Amino acid sequence: MENQRRDNSGILILAGIALGAAAAYFLSSEDGKETMRKAGKKAKKMANQAMEAKDNLTADLKEKANKTYNDAVEMVHDLTAKYEETKDELTEKAKDSALTNLELLEQGIAKAKAKLQETKGV
């Protein structure tokens, strides 16, 4: 088991050295530098695209939030106006009903007084 680990360790060390040497050669060569420059440009372009997408998404979310807020404010105003209108209508109906009942009461009192006068005068 320990021998197997040593064998694997040696292979991994050699692979690391080989990859490091290849990377150093590749990055120091003109082709490597050009590839790095292109990769840097592409990474910068992708970062700009990501920022633009984030900005667009943020703007869309703000617009939708503002529309939802404005719709809610309008709904509250509409409901408040409807409440006031209904309250005024009901108040007017209650006032009319009270006046009608008062008139009927006064008529009833007048009739009762007249009957009392009749019975006194009999």
N, C-alpha and C. Protein backbone atom coordinates (compact mmCIF):
# COMPACT_ATOMS: atom_id res chain seq x y z
N MET A 1 0.83 -1.18 0.00
CA MET A 1 0.00 0.00 0.00
C MET A 1 0.87 1.25 0.00
N GLU A 2 1.92 1.24 0.87
CA GLU A 2 2.80 2.40 0.95
C GLU A 2 3.61 2.53 -0.33
N ASN A 3 4.00 1.44 -0.92
CA ASN A 3 4.73 1.47 -2.18
C ASN A 3 3.86 2.06 -3.29
N GLN A 4 2.62 1.71 -3.24
CA GLN A 4 1.69 2.21 -4.26
C GLN A 4 1.55 3.73 -4.13
N ARG A 5 1.52 4.22 -2.89
CA ARG A 5 1.44 5.66 -2.67
C ARG A 5 2.68 6.37 -3.20
N ARG A 6 3.83 5.78 -2.95
CA ARG A 6 5.07 6.38 -3.44
C ARG A 6 5.07 6.41 -4.96
N ASP A 7 4.58 5.35 -5.55
CA ASP A 7 4.52 5.30 -7.01
C ASP A 7 3.59 6.40 -7.53
N ASN A 8 2.41 6.54 -6.91
CA ASN A 8 1.45 7.57 -7.32
C ASN A 8 2.00 8.97 -7.06
N SER A 9 2.68 9.17 -5.94
CA SER A 9 3.25 10.47 -5.61
C SER A 9 4.27 10.88 -6.65
N GLY A 10 5.10 9.96 -7.03
CA GLY A 10 6.14 10.25 -8.03
C GLY A 10 5.51 10.63 -9.36
N ILE A 11 4.49 9.89 -9.74
CA ILE A 11 3.81 10.17 -11.01
C ILE A 11 3.16 11.55 -10.96
N LEU A 12 2.51 11.85 -9.83
CA LEU A 12 1.85 13.15 -9.69
C LEU A 12 2.85 14.29 -9.71
N ILE A 13 4.00 14.11 -9.07
CA ILE A 13 5.04 15.14 -9.05
C ILE A 13 5.57 15.36 -10.47
N LEU A 14 5.83 14.28 -11.17
CA LEU A 14 6.33 14.39 -12.55
C LEU A 14 5.29 15.05 -13.45
N ALA A 15 4.00 14.71 -13.26
CA ALA A 15 2.94 15.32 -14.07
C ALA A 15 2.84 16.80 -13.77
N GLY A 16 2.97 17.18 -12.51
CA GLY A 16 2.92 18.59 -12.12
C GLY A 16 4.07 19.37 -12.73
N ILE A 17 5.28 18.78 -12.69
CA ILE A 17 6.46 19.44 -13.27
C ILE A 17 6.27 19.60 -14.77
N ALA A 18 5.78 18.56 -15.42
CA ALA A 18 5.59 18.61 -16.88
C ALA A 18 4.55 19.67 -17.24
N LEU A 19 3.44 19.69 -16.49
CA LEU A 19 2.40 20.69 -16.78
C LEU A 19 2.91 22.10 -16.51
N GLY A 20 3.66 22.28 -15.44
CA GLY A 20 4.23 23.60 -15.13
C GLY A 20 5.19 24.05 -16.22
N ALA A 21 6.03 23.15 -16.68
CA ALA A 21 6.99 23.49 -17.73
C ALA A 21 6.27 23.83 -19.03
N ALA A 22 5.25 23.05 -19.35
CA ALA A 22 4.48 23.31 -20.57
C ALA A 22 3.78 24.66 -20.47
N ALA A 23 3.20 24.95 -19.31
CA ALA A 23 2.50 26.23 -19.12
C ALA A 23 3.50 27.38 -19.21
N ALA A 24 4.67 27.24 -18.59
CA ALA A 24 5.68 28.30 -18.64
C ALA A 24 6.13 28.54 -20.08
N TYR A 25 6.39 27.47 -20.81
CA TYR A 25 6.82 27.61 -22.21
C TYR A 25 5.70 28.25 -23.02
N PHE A 26 4.50 27.75 -22.84
CA PHE A 26 3.36 28.24 -23.62
C PHE A 26 3.11 29.72 -23.33
N LEU A 27 3.17 30.11 -22.05
CA LEU A 27 2.89 31.50 -21.68
C LEU A 27 4.02 32.44 -22.07
N SER A 28 5.24 31.92 -22.22
CA SER A 28 6.35 32.79 -22.59
C SER A 28 6.53 32.87 -24.10
N SER A 29 5.93 31.96 -24.84
CA SER A 29 6.04 32.01 -26.31
C SER A 29 5.08 33.05 -26.86
N GLU A 30 5.31 33.44 -28.10
CA GLU A 30 4.44 34.43 -28.75
C GLU A 30 3.01 33.90 -28.89
N ASP A 31 2.89 32.63 -29.25
CA ASP A 31 1.55 32.03 -29.37
C ASP A 31 0.85 32.03 -28.02
N GLY A 32 1.59 31.73 -26.98
CA GLY A 32 1.01 31.71 -25.63
C GLY A 32 0.56 33.09 -25.20
N LYS A 33 1.41 34.09 -25.49
CA LYS A 33 1.04 35.46 -25.15
C LYS A 33 -0.21 35.90 -25.91
N GLU A 34 -0.28 35.54 -27.17
CA GLU A 34 -1.45 35.89 -27.99
C GLU A 34 -2.70 35.20 -27.45
N THR A 35 -2.56 33.94 -27.08
CA THR A 35 -3.70 33.21 -26.51
C THR A 35 -4.15 33.86 -25.21
N MET A 36 -3.20 34.26 -24.37
CA MET A 36 -3.55 34.93 -23.11
C MET A 36 -4.23 36.27 -23.38
N ARG A 37 -3.73 37.02 -24.38
CA ARG A 37 -4.34 38.29 -24.72
C ARG A 37 -5.78 38.08 -25.19
N LYS A 38 -5.98 37.07 -26.06
CA LYS A 38 -7.33 36.77 -26.55
C LYS A 38 -8.23 36.31 -25.39
N ALA A 39 -7.67 35.48 -24.51
CA ALA A 39 -8.46 35.00 -23.36
C ALA A 39 -8.84 36.18 -22.46
N GLY A 40 -7.90 37.11 -22.27
CA GLY A 40 -8.19 38.29 -21.45
C GLY A 40 -9.28 39.15 -22.08
N LYS A 41 -9.20 39.34 -23.41
CA LYS A 41 -10.23 40.11 -24.11
C LYS A 41 -11.59 39.43 -23.98
N LYS A 42 -11.59 38.11 -24.17
CA LYS A 42 -12.85 37.37 -24.09
C LYS A 42 -13.42 37.44 -22.67
N ALA A 43 -12.56 37.31 -21.67
CA ALA A 43 -13.02 37.39 -20.28
C ALA A 43 -13.59 38.77 -19.99
N LYS A 44 -12.92 39.81 -20.50
CA LYS A 44 -13.41 41.18 -20.30
C LYS A 44 -14.76 41.37 -21.00
N LYS A 45 -14.87 40.85 -22.22
CA LYS A 45 -16.13 40.95 -22.97
C LYS A 45 -17.25 40.23 -22.21
N MET A 46 -16.96 39.04 -21.70
CA MET A 46 -17.97 38.28 -20.96
C MET A 46 -18.36 39.01 -19.67
N ALA A 47 -17.38 39.63 -19.00
CA ALA A 47 -17.68 40.39 -17.79
C ALA A 47 -18.57 41.59 -18.12
N ASN A 48 -18.27 42.27 -19.23
CA ASN A 48 -19.10 43.40 -19.65
C ASN A 48 -20.52 42.94 -20.00
N GLN A 49 -20.63 41.81 -20.67
CA GLN A 49 -21.96 41.27 -21.00
C GLN A 49 -22.73 40.91 -19.74
N ALA A 50 -22.03 40.34 -18.77
CA ALA A 50 -22.69 39.99 -17.50
C ALA A 50 -23.16 41.25 -16.78
N MET A 51 -22.33 42.30 -16.77
CA MET A 51 -22.72 43.56 -16.14
C MET A 51 -23.92 44.18 -16.86
N GLU A 52 -23.89 44.13 -18.19
CA GLU A 52 -25.00 44.68 -18.97
C GLU A 52 -26.29 43.90 -18.69
N ALA A 53 -26.18 42.58 -18.63
CA ALA A 53 -27.36 41.76 -18.33
C ALA A 53 -27.88 42.07 -16.94
N LYS A 54 -26.97 42.25 -15.97
CA LYS A 54 -27.38 42.61 -14.60
C LYS A 54 -28.07 43.97 -14.58
N ASP A 55 -27.50 44.93 -15.31
CA ASP A 55 -28.09 46.27 -15.37
C ASP A 55 -29.48 46.22 -16.01
N ASN A 56 -29.62 45.45 -17.09
CA ASN A 56 -30.92 45.32 -17.75
C ASN A 56 -31.94 44.67 -16.84
N LEU A 57 -31.52 43.62 -16.15
CA LEU A 57 -32.42 42.93 -15.23
C LEU A 57 -32.82 43.85 -14.09
N THR A 58 -31.86 44.61 -13.56
CA THR A 58 -32.15 45.55 -12.48
C THR A 58 -33.15 46.61 -12.95
N ALA A 59 -32.93 47.13 -14.15
CA ALA A 59 -33.84 48.15 -14.70
C ALA A 59 -35.24 47.57 -14.89
N ASP A 60 -35.32 46.34 -15.41
CA ASP A 60 -36.62 45.70 -15.60
C ASP A 60 -37.33 45.49 -14.27
N LEU A 61 -36.60 45.03 -13.27
CA LEU A 61 -37.19 44.80 -11.95
C LEU A 61 -37.67 46.11 -11.33
N LYS A 62 -36.87 47.17 -11.47
CA LYS A 62 -37.28 48.47 -10.94
C LYS A 62 -38.55 48.96 -11.64
N GLU A 63 -38.59 48.79 -12.97
CA GLU A 63 -39.76 49.22 -13.73
C GLU A 63 -41.01 48.45 -13.29
N LYS A 64 -40.87 47.15 -13.12
CA LYS A 64 -42.01 46.34 -12.69
C LYS A 64 -42.44 46.68 -11.27
N ALA A 65 -41.46 46.92 -10.40
CA ALA A 65 -41.78 47.30 -9.02
C ALA A 65 -42.50 48.64 -8.99
N ASN A 66 -42.03 49.60 -9.78
CA ASN A 66 -42.69 50.91 -9.84
C ASN A 66 -44.10 50.80 -10.40
N LYS A 67 -44.28 49.96 -11.43
CA LYS A 67 -45.62 49.78 -12.00
C LYS A 67 -46.55 49.14 -10.97
N THR A 68 -46.06 48.14 -10.27
CA THR A 68 -46.87 47.49 -9.24
C THR A 68 -47.24 48.48 -8.14
N TYR A 69 -46.29 49.29 -7.72
CA TYR A 69 -46.54 50.31 -6.70
C TYR A 69 -47.58 51.30 -7.19
N ASN A 70 -47.39 51.81 -8.41
CA ASN A 70 -48.34 52.79 -8.96
C ASN A 70 -49.73 52.19 -9.12
N ASP A 71 -49.81 50.93 -9.54
CA ASP A 71 -51.10 50.26 -9.65
C ASP A 71 -51.77 50.14 -8.28
N ALA A 72 -50.98 49.82 -7.27
CA ALA A 72 -51.53 49.69 -5.91
C ALA A 72 -52.02 51.05 -5.40
N VAL A 73 -51.26 52.10 -5.65
CA VAL A 73 -51.67 53.44 -5.23
C VAL A 73 -52.97 53.83 -5.93
N GLU A 74 -53.05 53.56 -7.22
CA GLU A 74 -54.26 53.88 -7.98
C GLU A 74 -55.46 53.09 -7.44
N MET A 75 -55.23 51.82 -7.11
CA MET A 75 -56.31 50.99 -6.58
C MET A 75 -56.80 51.54 -5.24
N VAL A 76 -55.87 51.95 -4.39
CA VAL A 76 -56.24 52.52 -3.10
C VAL A 76 -57.04 53.80 -3.30
N HIS A 77 -56.62 54.64 -4.23
CA HIS A 77 -57.36 55.87 -4.52
C HIS A 77 -58.77 55.56 -5.03
N ASP A 78 -58.85 54.59 -5.94
CA ASP A 78 -60.17 54.20 -6.47
C ASP A 78 -61.07 53.67 -5.37
N LEU A 79 -60.52 52.81 -4.52
CA LEU A 79 -61.32 52.24 -3.43
C LEU A 79 -61.73 53.31 -2.42
N THR A 80 -60.84 54.25 -2.17
CA THR A 80 -61.18 55.35 -1.25
C THR A 80 -62.31 56.19 -1.82
N ALA A 81 -62.22 56.50 -3.12
CA ALA A 81 -63.28 57.29 -3.76
C ALA A 81 -64.60 56.53 -3.74
N LYS A 82 -64.56 55.23 -4.02
CA LYS A 82 -65.78 54.42 -4.01
C LYS A 82 -66.36 54.37 -2.59
N TYR A 83 -65.50 54.25 -1.58
CA TYR A 83 -65.95 54.25 -0.20
C TYR A 83 -66.65 55.56 0.13
N GLU A 84 -66.02 56.68 -0.24
CA GLU A 84 -66.62 57.99 0.05
C GLU A 84 -67.97 58.13 -0.66
N GLU A 85 -68.02 57.69 -1.91
CA GLU A 85 -69.27 57.77 -2.68
C GLU A 85 -70.36 56.93 -2.02
N THR A 86 -70.02 55.70 -1.65
CA THR A 86 -70.99 54.80 -1.01
C THR A 86 -71.41 55.35 0.34
N LYS A 87 -70.45 55.87 1.10
CA LYS A 87 -70.76 56.45 2.41
C LYS A 87 -71.73 57.62 2.26
N ASP A 88 -71.47 58.48 1.29
CA ASP A 88 -72.35 59.63 1.06
C ASP A 88 -73.75 59.19 0.65
N GLU A 89 -73.82 58.17 -0.24
CA GLU A 89 -75.13 57.66 -0.66
C GLU A 89 -75.90 57.08 0.53
N LEU A 90 -75.21 56.27 1.33
CA LEU A 90 -75.87 55.65 2.48
C LEU A 90 -76.29 56.69 3.52
N THR A 91 -75.46 57.70 3.71
CA THR A 91 -75.80 58.77 4.65
C THR A 91 -77.05 59.50 4.17
N GLU A 92 -77.10 59.77 2.88
CA GLU A 92 -78.27 60.47 2.32
C GLU A 92 -79.53 59.60 2.45
N LYS A 93 -79.41 58.31 2.18
CA LYS A 93 -80.56 57.42 2.32
C LYS A 93 -81.01 57.34 3.77
N ALA A 94 -80.06 57.27 4.70
CA ALA A 94 -80.41 57.21 6.13
C ALA A 94 -81.10 58.50 6.55
N LYS A 95 -80.60 59.64 6.06
CA LYS A 95 -81.20 60.93 6.40
C LYS A 95 -82.65 60.99 5.85
N ASP A 96 -82.83 60.57 4.59
CA ASP A 96 -84.17 60.57 3.99
C ASP A 96 -85.12 59.66 4.77
N SER A 97 -84.61 58.48 5.14
CA SER A 97 -85.42 57.53 5.89
C SER A 97 -85.79 58.11 7.27
N ALA A 98 -84.85 58.75 7.92
CA ALA A 98 -85.11 59.35 9.23
C ALA A 98 -86.16 60.46 9.11
N LEU A 99 -86.04 61.28 8.06
CA LEU A 99 -87.01 62.36 7.86
C LEU A 99 -88.41 61.80 7.58
N THR A 100 -88.44 60.75 6.76
CA THR A 100 -89.74 60.12 6.47
C THR A 100 -90.35 59.56 7.74
N ASN A 101 -89.54 58.87 8.53
CA ASN A 101 -90.05 58.31 9.79
C ASN A 101 -90.47 59.41 10.76
N LEU A 102 -89.74 60.52 10.77
CA LEU A 102 -90.10 61.65 11.63
C LEU A 102 -91.44 62.24 11.19
N GLU A 103 -91.63 62.38 9.88
CA GLU A 103 -92.90 62.90 9.36
C GLU A 103 -94.05 61.97 9.74
N LEU A 104 -93.80 60.66 9.58
CA LEU A 104 -94.85 59.69 9.94
C LEU A 104 -95.15 59.76 11.44
N LEU A 105 -94.12 59.92 12.25
CA LEU A 105 -94.31 60.03 13.69
C LEU A 105 -95.11 61.29 14.02
N GLU A 106 -94.74 62.40 13.39
CA GLU A 106 -95.47 63.65 13.63
C GLU A 106 -96.94 63.53 13.20
N GLN A 107 -97.16 62.85 12.07
CA GLN A 107 -98.55 62.63 11.63
C GLN A 107 -99.30 61.76 12.63
N GLY A 108 -98.64 60.74 13.13
CA GLY A 108 -99.26 59.86 14.12
C GLY A 108 -99.58 60.62 15.39
N ILE A 109 -98.67 61.48 15.84
CA ILE A 109 -98.90 62.30 17.03
C ILE A 109 -100.08 63.24 16.80
N ALA A 110 -100.11 63.85 15.61
CA ALA A 110 -101.22 64.77 15.29
C ALA A 110 -102.55 64.03 15.31
N LYS A 111 -102.59 62.83 14.75
CA LYS A 111 -103.83 62.04 14.75
C LYS A 111 -104.22 61.67 16.18
N ALA A 112 -103.21 61.28 16.97
CA ALA A 112 -103.50 60.91 18.36
C ALA A 112 -104.03 62.10 19.13
N LYS A 113 -103.46 63.29 18.93
CA LYS A 113 -103.94 64.50 19.59
C LYS A 113 -105.37 64.80 19.14
N ALA A 114 -105.62 64.64 17.86
CA ALA A 114 -106.97 64.91 17.35
C ALA A 114 -107.97 63.94 17.98
N LYS A 115 -107.61 62.71 18.10
CA LYS A 115 -108.52 61.74 18.72
C LYS A 115 -108.74 62.07 20.18
N LEU A 116 -107.67 62.48 20.86
CA LEU A 116 -107.80 62.87 22.26
C LEU A 116 -108.74 64.07 22.39
N GLN A 117 -108.61 65.01 21.48
CA GLN A 117 -109.48 66.20 21.50
C GLN A 117 -110.91 65.77 21.26
N GLU A 118 -111.12 64.84 20.35
CA GLU A 118 -112.46 64.33 20.04
C GLU A 118 -113.08 63.66 21.27
N THR A 119 -112.27 62.85 21.91
CA THR A 119 -112.80 62.13 23.06
C THR A 119 -113.05 63.07 24.23
N LYS A 120 -112.31 64.13 24.37
CA LYS A 120 -112.53 65.11 25.42
C LYS A 120 -113.80 65.90 25.12
N GLY A 121 -113.98 66.17 23.86
CA GLY A 121 -115.11 67.00 23.48
C GLY A 121 -116.41 66.21 23.41
N VAL A 122 -116.34 64.96 23.46
CA VAL A 122 -117.57 64.17 23.33
C VAL A 122 -118.42 64.31 24.50
